[in-house]
Amino acid sequence: MSVLSYAWYNNRVFPGQEKLAEEIGAGKRTIIRLIAELEKRGYVEVQRRGQGLTNVYVLRPEVDRPNLL
Protein backbone atom coordinates (compact mmCIF):
# COMPACT_ATOMS: atom_id res chain seq x y z
CA MET A 1 0.00 0.00 0.00
CA SER A 2 2.85 2.36 0.74
CA VAL A 3 4.21 1.95 -2.81
CA LEU A 4 0.76 2.73 -4.22
CA SER A 5 0.64 6.01 -2.33
CA TYR A 6 3.33 7.35 -4.70
CA ALA A 7 1.35 6.55 -7.88
CA TRP A 8 -0.39 9.88 -8.45
CA TYR A 9 -0.31 10.25 -12.22
CA ASN A 10 1.13 7.07 -13.65
CA ASN A 11 2.15 3.54 -12.78
CA ARG A 12 5.88 4.28 -12.33
CA VAL A 13 7.00 5.15 -8.80
CA PHE A 14 10.44 5.46 -7.25
CA PRO A 15 10.38 5.77 -3.46
CA GLY A 16 13.57 4.74 -1.70
CA GLN A 17 13.61 1.53 0.33
CA GLU A 18 14.65 3.46 3.44
CA LYS A 19 11.68 5.81 3.00
CA LEU A 20 9.26 2.88 2.61
CA ALA A 21 10.75 1.18 5.67
CA GLU A 22 10.34 4.34 7.72
CA GLU A 23 6.74 4.81 6.58
CA ILE A 24 5.59 1.34 7.61
CA GLY A 25 7.86 0.93 10.62
CA ALA A 26 9.91 -1.94 9.20
CA GLY A 27 13.53 -2.60 8.37
CA LYS A 28 15.06 -2.22 4.93
CA ARG A 29 15.51 -6.01 4.60
CA THR A 30 11.75 -6.45 5.17
CA ILE A 31 11.03 -3.95 2.39
CA ILE A 32 13.37 -5.81 0.04
CA ARG A 33 11.59 -9.10 0.80
CA LEU A 34 8.13 -7.57 0.36
CA ILE A 35 9.03 -5.96 -2.96
CA ALA A 36 10.54 -9.24 -4.17
CA GLU A 37 7.26 -10.97 -3.32
CA LEU A 38 5.23 -8.33 -5.19
CA GLU A 39 7.55 -8.77 -8.17
CA LYS A 40 7.27 -12.57 -8.02
CA ARG A 41 3.46 -12.34 -8.04
CA GLY A 42 3.53 -9.94 -10.99
CA TYR A 43 2.16 -6.87 -9.20
CA VAL A 44 5.26 -4.78 -9.87
CA GLU A 45 8.22 -4.76 -12.21
CA VAL A 46 11.44 -3.52 -10.62
CA GLN A 47 13.72 -1.46 -12.84
CA ARG A 48 17.09 -0.98 -11.22
CA ARG A 49 18.74 2.35 -12.09
CA GLY A 50 22.17 1.90 -10.56
CA GLN A 51 24.20 2.52 -7.46
CA GLY A 52 22.98 5.46 -5.40
CA LEU A 53 19.70 5.79 -7.30
CA THR A 54 16.29 4.54 -6.22
CA ASN A 55 14.67 1.70 -8.15
CA VAL A 56 11.68 2.41 -10.34
CA TYR A 57 8.65 0.27 -9.53
CA VAL A 58 6.24 -0.20 -12.42
CA LEU A 59 2.83 -1.08 -11.01
CA ARG A 60 0.92 -3.73 -12.95
CA PRO A 61 -2.82 -3.01 -12.57
CA GLU A 62 -3.68 -5.56 -15.26
CA VAL A 63 -2.59 -8.52 -13.09
CA ASP A 64 -5.53 -10.67 -12.04
CA ARG A 65 -6.01 -10.37 -8.31
CA PRO A 66 -8.14 -12.64 -6.18
CA ASN A 67 -11.34 -11.13 -4.85
CA LEU A 68 -10.69 -10.55 -1.17
CA LEU A 69 -14.27 -9.68 -0.21
Foldseek 3Di string as FASTA:
>chain_A
DVQVVQQDDAQKGFDALVVVCVVVVHDSVVSVVVVVVCVVLPQWDWADDDPPGTIIIGGDPPRDDDDPD
